[in-house]
Amino acid sequence: IGIVLVHLNRFEEAIKNWTKAIEINSNSLDAYNNRGNALIKLKKNESALKDFDQAIKIKPNFAQAYNNRGVVLKDLNRLDSALESSNKAIEINSNYADAYNLKGVILRELNQIEESLNNYDKAIEINPNFADAHVNRGNLLLNENKQLNLALISSSFSMCSVLHSSMG
């Protein structure tokens, strides 16, 4: 029910649903993880962080919770800790495209441009249809105003266009 409520943008109700699930089973890592994601939508980042930490406590090799924890830490501008979380997610699951994309975003904010680009490339290698990674990569190339390879930028944005049109 909670997932449906999130898709309906009814985050408070979803949080109540997952809180009840946690009251019934305090070891429900999915409930903690999902409630944390809903809390992010409401900008309740510290509470979300606690939920992701609890999910990790229940299952220390839960890559998704580490990645979600990294998202919150990035939003809180705790970039070094966010990078540690994304690295841990990748260590647990080396084929986790979302974690590579997040790492690219964090590295970009840390002005580590080449490493950022490498992580976007890795995310796209794992999931060629990952629109966010294509957009992030294209924006990085555009904004850095390097010796731009317009074919690469065009490729990133046209792939995004194809992906968005196939979703809609």
N, C-alpha and C. Protein backbone atom coordinates (compact mmCIF):
# COMPACT_ATOMS: atom_id res chain seq x y z
N ILE A 1 0.83 -1.20 0.00
CA ILE A 1 0.00 0.00 0.00
C ILE A 1 0.88 1.26 0.00
N GLY A 2 1.96 1.23 0.77
CA GLY A 2 2.82 2.40 0.87
C GLY A 2 3.40 2.82 -0.46
N ILE A 3 3.80 1.86 -1.27
CA ILE A 3 4.39 2.17 -2.58
C ILE A 3 3.35 2.84 -3.47
N VAL A 4 2.12 2.34 -3.44
CA VAL A 4 1.04 2.95 -4.22
C VAL A 4 0.81 4.38 -3.76
N LEU A 5 0.80 4.60 -2.44
CA LEU A 5 0.59 5.94 -1.90
C LEU A 5 1.69 6.90 -2.36
N VAL A 6 2.93 6.43 -2.42
CA VAL A 6 4.03 7.27 -2.91
C VAL A 6 3.78 7.65 -4.37
N HIS A 7 3.36 6.67 -5.19
CA HIS A 7 3.09 6.97 -6.60
C HIS A 7 1.95 7.97 -6.76
N LEU A 8 1.11 8.05 -5.75
CA LEU A 8 0.01 9.03 -5.76
C LEU A 8 0.42 10.33 -5.08
N ASN A 9 1.70 10.44 -4.72
CA ASN A 9 2.24 11.61 -4.02
C ASN A 9 1.56 11.85 -2.67
N ARG A 10 1.14 10.78 -2.04
CA ARG A 10 0.52 10.85 -0.71
C ARG A 10 1.55 10.34 0.30
N PHE A 11 2.59 11.15 0.48
CA PHE A 11 3.77 10.73 1.24
C PHE A 11 3.48 10.56 2.73
N GLU A 12 2.70 11.47 3.32
CA GLU A 12 2.39 11.36 4.75
C GLU A 12 1.67 10.04 5.04
N GLU A 13 0.71 9.69 4.19
CA GLU A 13 -0.02 8.43 4.38
C GLU A 13 0.91 7.23 4.19
N ALA A 14 1.80 7.32 3.22
CA ALA A 14 2.75 6.24 2.99
C ALA A 14 3.64 6.06 4.22
N ILE A 15 4.10 7.16 4.78
CA ILE A 15 4.95 7.10 5.98
C ILE A 15 4.20 6.43 7.12
N LYS A 16 2.94 6.79 7.31
CA LYS A 16 2.12 6.16 8.37
C LYS A 16 1.99 4.66 8.11
N ASN A 17 1.82 4.29 6.85
CA ASN A 17 1.69 2.88 6.49
C ASN A 17 2.96 2.11 6.84
N TRP A 18 4.12 2.67 6.48
CA TRP A 18 5.38 1.99 6.77
C TRP A 18 5.71 2.00 8.26
N THR A 19 5.26 3.05 8.95
CA THR A 19 5.46 3.09 10.40
C THR A 19 4.69 1.96 11.06
N LYS A 20 3.46 1.70 10.59
CA LYS A 20 2.69 0.57 11.12
C LYS A 20 3.39 -0.75 10.82
N ALA A 21 3.94 -0.87 9.62
CA ALA A 21 4.67 -2.09 9.25
C ALA A 21 5.86 -2.30 10.18
N ILE A 22 6.54 -1.22 10.54
CA ILE A 22 7.69 -1.30 11.44
C ILE A 22 7.24 -1.67 12.86
N GLU A 23 6.08 -1.16 13.26
CA GLU A 23 5.55 -1.52 14.59
C GLU A 23 5.24 -3.01 14.65
N ILE A 24 4.79 -3.57 13.55
CA ILE A 24 4.47 -5.00 13.49
C ILE A 24 5.75 -5.82 13.41
N ASN A 25 6.70 -5.36 12.61
CA ASN A 25 7.97 -6.08 12.44
C ASN A 25 9.11 -5.06 12.43
N SER A 26 9.77 -4.93 13.56
CA SER A 26 10.83 -3.92 13.69
C SER A 26 12.08 -4.25 12.88
N ASN A 27 12.10 -5.41 12.24
CA ASN A 27 13.24 -5.79 11.39
C ASN A 27 12.90 -5.72 9.91
N SER A 28 11.86 -4.99 9.55
CA SER A 28 11.45 -4.88 8.15
C SER A 28 12.31 -3.84 7.44
N LEU A 29 13.40 -4.31 6.84
CA LEU A 29 14.31 -3.37 6.20
C LEU A 29 13.66 -2.65 5.04
N ASP A 30 12.75 -3.29 4.32
CA ASP A 30 12.05 -2.62 3.22
C ASP A 30 11.19 -1.47 3.74
N ALA A 31 10.56 -1.68 4.90
CA ALA A 31 9.72 -0.61 5.48
C ALA A 31 10.59 0.59 5.85
N TYR A 32 11.74 0.34 6.47
CA TYR A 32 12.63 1.45 6.81
C TYR A 32 13.13 2.15 5.54
N ASN A 33 13.55 1.38 4.56
CA ASN A 33 14.07 1.96 3.33
C ASN A 33 13.00 2.76 2.59
N ASN A 34 11.82 2.19 2.48
CA ASN A 34 10.74 2.89 1.77
C ASN A 34 10.27 4.13 2.53
N ARG A 35 10.17 4.01 3.85
CA ARG A 35 9.78 5.18 4.64
C ARG A 35 10.84 6.28 4.48
N GLY A 36 12.10 5.89 4.48
CA GLY A 36 13.17 6.87 4.26
C GLY A 36 13.02 7.59 2.93
N ASN A 37 12.68 6.86 1.88
CA ASN A 37 12.49 7.49 0.57
C ASN A 37 11.32 8.46 0.59
N ALA A 38 10.24 8.10 1.28
CA ALA A 38 9.10 9.02 1.39
C ALA A 38 9.48 10.25 2.21
N LEU A 39 10.27 10.06 3.25
CA LEU A 39 10.71 11.19 4.06
C LEU A 39 11.57 12.16 3.24
N ILE A 40 12.38 11.63 2.32
CA ILE A 40 13.17 12.49 1.42
C ILE A 40 12.24 13.40 0.63
N LYS A 41 11.14 12.84 0.13
CA LYS A 41 10.19 13.63 -0.67
C LYS A 41 9.63 14.80 0.13
N LEU A 42 9.55 14.63 1.46
CA LEU A 42 9.03 15.69 2.33
C LEU A 42 10.14 16.55 2.92
N LYS A 43 11.37 16.35 2.41
CA LYS A 43 12.55 17.11 2.86
C LYS A 43 12.85 16.89 4.35
N LYS A 44 12.49 15.72 4.85
CA LYS A 44 12.79 15.36 6.24
C LYS A 44 14.03 14.47 6.22
N ASN A 45 15.15 15.09 5.85
CA ASN A 45 16.37 14.35 5.55
C ASN A 45 16.98 13.68 6.77
N GLU A 46 16.97 14.33 7.92
CA GLU A 46 17.56 13.71 9.11
C GLU A 46 16.79 12.45 9.50
N SER A 47 15.46 12.50 9.41
CA SER A 47 14.65 11.32 9.71
C SER A 47 14.88 10.23 8.68
N ALA A 48 15.01 10.62 7.43
CA ALA A 48 15.28 9.65 6.37
C ALA A 48 16.62 8.96 6.61
N LEU A 49 17.61 9.75 7.01
CA LEU A 49 18.94 9.21 7.29
C LEU A 49 18.87 8.15 8.38
N LYS A 50 18.09 8.40 9.42
CA LYS A 50 17.93 7.43 10.51
C LYS A 50 17.31 6.13 9.99
N ASP A 51 16.33 6.25 9.08
CA ASP A 51 15.71 5.04 8.53
C ASP A 51 16.68 4.24 7.68
N PHE A 52 17.49 4.92 6.87
CA PHE A 52 18.47 4.19 6.06
C PHE A 52 19.53 3.54 6.95
N ASP A 53 19.93 4.24 8.00
CA ASP A 53 20.89 3.66 8.94
C ASP A 53 20.31 2.42 9.61
N GLN A 54 19.03 2.47 9.94
CA GLN A 54 18.38 1.31 10.57
C GLN A 54 18.29 0.14 9.58
N ALA A 55 17.98 0.43 8.33
CA ALA A 55 17.93 -0.63 7.31
C ALA A 55 19.31 -1.28 7.16
N ILE A 56 20.36 -0.47 7.20
CA ILE A 56 21.73 -0.99 7.10
C ILE A 56 22.09 -1.81 8.34
N LYS A 57 21.61 -1.37 9.49
CA LYS A 57 21.85 -2.12 10.73
C LYS A 57 21.22 -3.52 10.64
N ILE A 58 20.03 -3.58 10.05
CA ILE A 58 19.33 -4.86 9.89
C ILE A 58 20.04 -5.73 8.85
N LYS A 59 20.46 -5.11 7.75
CA LYS A 59 21.12 -5.85 6.67
C LYS A 59 22.33 -5.04 6.19
N PRO A 60 23.50 -5.32 6.76
CA PRO A 60 24.70 -4.52 6.47
C PRO A 60 25.13 -4.50 5.01
N ASN A 61 24.68 -5.43 4.19
CA ASN A 61 25.07 -5.43 2.78
C ASN A 61 23.92 -5.00 1.87
N PHE A 62 23.09 -4.08 2.34
CA PHE A 62 21.93 -3.58 1.59
C PHE A 62 22.36 -2.35 0.78
N ALA A 63 22.78 -2.61 -0.46
CA ALA A 63 23.34 -1.56 -1.32
C ALA A 63 22.37 -0.41 -1.53
N GLN A 64 21.10 -0.70 -1.70
CA GLN A 64 20.11 0.34 -1.96
C GLN A 64 20.03 1.32 -0.79
N ALA A 65 20.08 0.82 0.43
CA ALA A 65 20.03 1.71 1.59
C ALA A 65 21.27 2.59 1.66
N TYR A 66 22.44 2.03 1.32
CA TYR A 66 23.65 2.86 1.28
C TYR A 66 23.52 3.95 0.22
N ASN A 67 22.99 3.60 -0.94
CA ASN A 67 22.82 4.59 -1.99
C ASN A 67 21.83 5.67 -1.56
N ASN A 68 20.71 5.27 -0.97
CA ASN A 68 19.72 6.24 -0.50
C ASN A 68 20.32 7.13 0.59
N ARG A 69 21.12 6.54 1.45
CA ARG A 69 21.81 7.29 2.49
C ARG A 69 22.73 8.34 1.83
N GLY A 70 23.40 7.95 0.76
CA GLY A 70 24.25 8.88 0.03
C GLY A 70 23.47 10.05 -0.56
N VAL A 71 22.27 9.77 -1.06
CA VAL A 71 21.42 10.84 -1.61
C VAL A 71 21.11 11.87 -0.52
N VAL A 72 20.72 11.38 0.66
CA VAL A 72 20.38 12.28 1.77
C VAL A 72 21.61 13.09 2.18
N LEU A 73 22.73 12.42 2.34
CA LEU A 73 23.95 13.12 2.77
C LEU A 73 24.37 14.16 1.75
N LYS A 74 24.20 13.86 0.47
CA LYS A 74 24.51 14.85 -0.58
C LYS A 74 23.59 16.05 -0.42
N ASP A 75 22.30 15.79 -0.21
CA ASP A 75 21.34 16.89 -0.03
C ASP A 75 21.66 17.73 1.20
N LEU A 76 22.25 17.10 2.21
CA LEU A 76 22.66 17.82 3.43
C LEU A 76 24.04 18.47 3.27
N ASN A 77 24.59 18.36 2.07
CA ASN A 77 25.91 18.90 1.74
C ASN A 77 27.03 18.28 2.57
N ARG A 78 26.84 17.03 2.95
CA ARG A 78 27.89 16.27 3.64
C ARG A 78 28.51 15.35 2.58
N LEU A 79 29.26 15.98 1.69
CA LEU A 79 29.69 15.31 0.46
C LEU A 79 30.67 14.17 0.71
N ASP A 80 31.59 14.32 1.65
CA ASP A 80 32.53 13.24 1.91
C ASP A 80 31.81 12.00 2.43
N SER A 81 30.86 12.19 3.31
CA SER A 81 30.07 11.06 3.83
C SER A 81 29.19 10.47 2.73
N ALA A 82 28.64 11.34 1.89
CA ALA A 82 27.82 10.86 0.76
C ALA A 82 28.65 9.99 -0.17
N LEU A 83 29.89 10.42 -0.42
CA LEU A 83 30.78 9.66 -1.28
C LEU A 83 31.11 8.30 -0.66
N GLU A 84 31.32 8.28 0.64
CA GLU A 84 31.57 7.01 1.33
C GLU A 84 30.39 6.05 1.16
N SER A 85 29.16 6.59 1.29
CA SER A 85 27.97 5.74 1.14
C SER A 85 27.83 5.21 -0.27
N SER A 86 28.07 6.07 -1.28
CA SER A 86 27.96 5.58 -2.66
C SER A 86 29.05 4.56 -2.96
N ASN A 87 30.25 4.78 -2.42
CA ASN A 87 31.32 3.79 -2.60
C ASN A 87 30.96 2.45 -1.97
N LYS A 88 30.33 2.49 -0.80
CA LYS A 88 29.93 1.25 -0.12
C LYS A 88 28.85 0.53 -0.94
N ALA A 89 27.91 1.28 -1.51
CA ALA A 89 26.89 0.66 -2.36
C ALA A 89 27.53 -0.04 -3.55
N ILE A 90 28.54 0.60 -4.14
CA ILE A 90 29.24 0.01 -5.29
C ILE A 90 30.06 -1.19 -4.86
N GLU A 91 30.67 -1.11 -3.69
CA GLU A 91 31.44 -2.25 -3.17
C GLU A 91 30.53 -3.47 -2.99
N ILE A 92 29.31 -3.25 -2.53
CA ILE A 92 28.36 -4.34 -2.31
C ILE A 92 27.84 -4.86 -3.65
N ASN A 93 27.53 -3.94 -4.57
CA ASN A 93 26.96 -4.33 -5.87
C ASN A 93 27.66 -3.52 -6.96
N SER A 94 28.63 -4.13 -7.60
CA SER A 94 29.43 -3.42 -8.61
C SER A 94 28.65 -3.15 -9.90
N ASN A 95 27.43 -3.64 -10.00
CA ASN A 95 26.59 -3.38 -11.17
C ASN A 95 25.40 -2.48 -10.85
N TYR A 96 25.55 -1.65 -9.85
CA TYR A 96 24.47 -0.78 -9.37
C TYR A 96 24.60 0.59 -10.05
N ALA A 97 23.92 0.74 -11.17
CA ALA A 97 24.03 1.96 -11.99
C ALA A 97 23.65 3.21 -11.20
N ASP A 98 22.62 3.14 -10.37
CA ASP A 98 22.21 4.32 -9.58
C ASP A 98 23.34 4.81 -8.69
N ALA A 99 24.10 3.88 -8.11
CA ALA A 99 25.20 4.27 -7.22
C ALA A 99 26.32 4.96 -8.01
N TYR A 100 26.61 4.48 -9.21
CA TYR A 100 27.62 5.15 -10.04
C TYR A 100 27.15 6.55 -10.45
N ASN A 101 25.87 6.67 -10.77
CA ASN A 101 25.33 7.98 -11.13
C ASN A 101 25.43 8.94 -9.94
N LEU A 102 25.02 8.47 -8.76
CA LEU A 102 25.12 9.31 -7.56
C LEU A 102 26.57 9.71 -7.30
N LYS A 103 27.47 8.75 -7.42
CA LYS A 103 28.89 9.06 -7.21
C LYS A 103 29.35 10.13 -8.21
N GLY A 104 28.88 10.04 -9.44
CA GLY A 104 29.21 11.06 -10.44
C GLY A 104 28.72 12.44 -10.02
N VAL A 105 27.50 12.50 -9.49
CA VAL A 105 26.93 13.78 -9.03
C VAL A 105 27.77 14.35 -7.88
N ILE A 106 28.12 13.50 -6.92
CA ILE A 106 28.90 13.95 -5.77
C ILE A 106 30.29 14.43 -6.22
N LEU A 107 30.92 13.64 -7.07
CA LEU A 107 32.27 14.02 -7.55
C LEU A 107 32.23 15.33 -8.33
N ARG A 108 31.16 15.54 -9.06
CA ARG A 108 31.02 16.80 -9.79
C ARG A 108 30.96 17.96 -8.79
N GLU A 109 30.20 17.79 -7.72
CA GLU A 109 30.12 18.84 -6.71
C GLU A 109 31.46 19.06 -6.00
N LEU A 110 32.27 18.01 -5.95
CA LEU A 110 33.61 18.11 -5.37
C LEU A 110 34.64 18.58 -6.40
N ASN A 111 34.14 18.92 -7.59
CA ASN A 111 34.96 19.42 -8.70
C ASN A 111 35.99 18.39 -9.18
N GLN A 112 35.64 17.13 -9.09
CA GLN A 112 36.48 16.05 -9.62
C GLN A 112 35.84 15.59 -10.93
N ILE A 113 36.04 16.41 -11.94
CA ILE A 113 35.29 16.30 -13.19
C ILE A 113 35.56 15.00 -13.94
N GLU A 114 36.82 14.64 -14.13
CA GLU A 114 37.13 13.41 -14.87
C GLU A 114 36.56 12.18 -14.18
N GLU A 115 36.71 12.12 -12.86
CA GLU A 115 36.16 10.99 -12.11
C GLU A 115 34.63 10.97 -12.19
N SER A 116 34.03 12.16 -12.16
CA SER A 116 32.59 12.25 -12.29
C SER A 116 32.15 11.67 -13.64
N LEU A 117 32.81 12.11 -14.70
CA LEU A 117 32.49 11.62 -16.04
C LEU A 117 32.66 10.11 -16.13
N ASN A 118 33.72 9.58 -15.53
CA ASN A 118 33.95 8.13 -15.55
C ASN A 118 32.81 7.38 -14.86
N ASN A 119 32.26 7.94 -13.80
CA ASN A 119 31.16 7.28 -13.10
C ASN A 119 29.86 7.35 -13.89
N TYR A 120 29.60 8.47 -14.56
CA TYR A 120 28.44 8.53 -15.44
C TYR A 120 28.58 7.49 -16.56
N ASP A 121 29.79 7.40 -17.11
CA ASP A 121 30.04 6.42 -18.18
C ASP A 121 29.79 5.00 -17.68
N LYS A 122 30.22 4.71 -16.46
CA LYS A 122 30.02 3.37 -15.89
C LYS A 122 28.53 3.10 -15.68
N ALA A 123 27.79 4.09 -15.20
CA ALA A 123 26.35 3.92 -15.01
C ALA A 123 25.67 3.62 -16.35
N ILE A 124 26.09 4.31 -17.40
CA ILE A 124 25.51 4.11 -18.74
C ILE A 124 25.94 2.76 -19.31
N GLU A 125 27.17 2.35 -19.03
CA GLU A 125 27.63 1.03 -19.48
C GLU A 125 26.77 -0.07 -18.86
N ILE A 126 26.45 0.07 -17.58
CA ILE A 126 25.63 -0.92 -16.88
C ILE A 126 24.20 -0.87 -17.38
N ASN A 127 23.67 0.34 -17.55
CA ASN A 127 22.29 0.51 -18.00
C ASN A 127 22.24 1.57 -19.09
N PRO A 128 22.36 1.14 -20.35
CA PRO A 128 22.38 2.09 -21.46
C PRO A 128 21.12 2.96 -21.57
N ASN A 129 20.03 2.55 -20.92
CA ASN A 129 18.78 3.31 -20.98
C ASN A 129 18.58 4.22 -19.77
N PHE A 130 19.62 4.45 -18.99
CA PHE A 130 19.54 5.25 -17.77
C PHE A 130 19.56 6.73 -18.15
N ALA A 131 18.37 7.30 -18.30
CA ALA A 131 18.23 8.68 -18.79
C ALA A 131 18.94 9.68 -17.89
N ASP A 132 18.82 9.56 -16.57
CA ASP A 132 19.45 10.53 -15.67
C ASP A 132 20.96 10.56 -15.87
N ALA A 133 21.57 9.41 -16.03
CA ALA A 133 23.03 9.37 -16.23
C ALA A 133 23.41 10.03 -17.55
N HIS A 134 22.61 9.82 -18.60
CA HIS A 134 22.87 10.48 -19.89
C HIS A 134 22.76 12.00 -19.74
N VAL A 135 21.72 12.46 -19.06
CA VAL A 135 21.52 13.91 -18.87
C VAL A 135 22.66 14.48 -18.02
N ASN A 136 23.00 13.80 -16.92
CA ASN A 136 24.08 14.29 -16.07
C ASN A 136 25.40 14.38 -16.83
N ARG A 137 25.66 13.36 -17.65
CA ARG A 137 26.89 13.34 -18.45
C ARG A 137 26.90 14.49 -19.45
N GLY A 138 25.79 14.67 -20.15
CA GLY A 138 25.69 15.76 -21.12
C GLY A 138 25.83 17.13 -20.48
N ASN A 139 25.18 17.32 -19.33
CA ASN A 139 25.29 18.59 -18.62
C ASN A 139 26.71 18.85 -18.14
N LEU A 140 27.36 17.80 -17.67
CA LEU A 140 28.74 17.94 -17.23
C LEU A 140 29.62 18.42 -18.38
N LEU A 141 29.48 17.78 -19.52
CA LEU A 141 30.29 18.17 -20.68
C LEU A 141 29.97 19.59 -21.13
N LEU A 142 28.70 19.95 -21.12
CA LEU A 142 28.31 21.32 -21.51
C LEU A 142 28.83 22.35 -20.53
N ASN A 143 28.61 22.12 -19.26
CA ASN A 143 28.92 23.11 -18.24
C ASN A 143 30.41 23.28 -17.99
N GLU A 144 31.17 22.27 -18.28
CA GLU A 144 32.61 22.39 -18.04
C GLU A 144 33.31 23.14 -19.16
N ASN A 145 32.58 23.38 -20.25
CA ASN A 145 33.08 24.19 -21.35
C ASN A 145 34.49 23.77 -21.78
N LYS A 146 34.66 22.45 -21.87
CA LYS A 146 35.94 21.90 -22.32
C LYS A 146 36.00 21.96 -23.84
N GLN A 147 36.99 21.31 -24.37
CA GLN A 147 37.04 21.08 -25.80
C GLN A 147 35.88 20.13 -26.08
N LEU A 148 34.71 20.71 -26.28
CA LEU A 148 33.50 19.90 -26.33
C LEU A 148 33.46 19.04 -27.58
N ASN A 149 33.17 17.82 -27.34
CA ASN A 149 32.92 16.91 -28.45
C ASN A 149 31.41 16.90 -28.64
N LEU A 150 30.93 17.72 -29.56
CA LEU A 150 29.49 17.89 -29.73
C LEU A 150 28.79 16.60 -30.10
N ALA A 151 29.49 15.70 -30.72
CA ALA A 151 28.87 14.42 -31.05
C ALA A 151 28.52 13.66 -29.77
N LEU A 152 29.40 13.71 -28.78
CA LEU A 152 29.12 13.03 -27.51
C LEU A 152 27.95 13.68 -26.78
N ILE A 153 27.94 15.00 -26.75
CA ILE A 153 26.85 15.71 -26.08
C ILE A 153 25.54 15.43 -26.80
N SER A 154 25.57 15.54 -28.10
CA SER A 154 24.37 15.28 -28.89
C SER A 154 23.87 13.86 -28.65
N SER A 155 24.79 12.92 -28.60
CA SER A 155 24.44 11.53 -28.37
C SER A 155 23.75 11.36 -27.02
N SER A 156 24.28 12.00 -25.98
CA SER A 156 23.70 11.89 -24.64
C SER A 156 22.28 12.44 -24.62
N PHE A 157 22.08 13.62 -25.21
CA PHE A 157 20.76 14.24 -25.17
C PHE A 157 19.77 13.57 -26.12
N SER A 158 20.24 13.06 -27.26
CA SER A 158 19.30 12.38 -28.14
C SER A 158 18.88 11.04 -27.54
N MET A 159 19.80 10.37 -26.82
CA MET A 159 19.42 9.14 -26.13
C MET A 159 18.38 9.45 -25.07
N CYS A 160 18.56 10.55 -24.37
CA CYS A 160 17.59 10.96 -23.36
C CYS A 160 16.24 11.22 -24.00
N SER A 161 16.23 11.89 -25.13
CA SER A 161 14.99 12.18 -25.85
C SER A 161 14.29 10.90 -26.26
N VAL A 162 15.06 9.95 -26.75
CA VAL A 162 14.49 8.66 -27.16
C VAL A 162 13.89 7.96 -25.94
N LEU A 163 14.63 7.97 -24.84
CA LEU A 163 14.16 7.30 -23.63
C LEU A 163 12.90 7.96 -23.08
N HIS A 164 12.87 9.29 -23.04
CA HIS A 164 11.70 9.97 -22.53
C HIS A 164 10.50 9.77 -23.42
N SER A 165 10.68 9.75 -24.75
CA SER A 165 9.54 9.55 -25.64
C SER A 165 9.02 8.11 -25.55
N SER A 166 9.91 7.16 -25.25
CA SER A 166 9.44 5.77 -25.12
C SER A 166 8.75 5.54 -23.79
N MET A 167 9.00 6.43 -22.80
CA MET A 167 8.35 6.29 -21.50
C MET A 167 6.95 6.88 -21.51
N GLY A 168 6.76 7.86 -22.32
CA GLY A 168 5.51 8.62 -22.26
C GLY A 168 4.50 8.06 -23.15
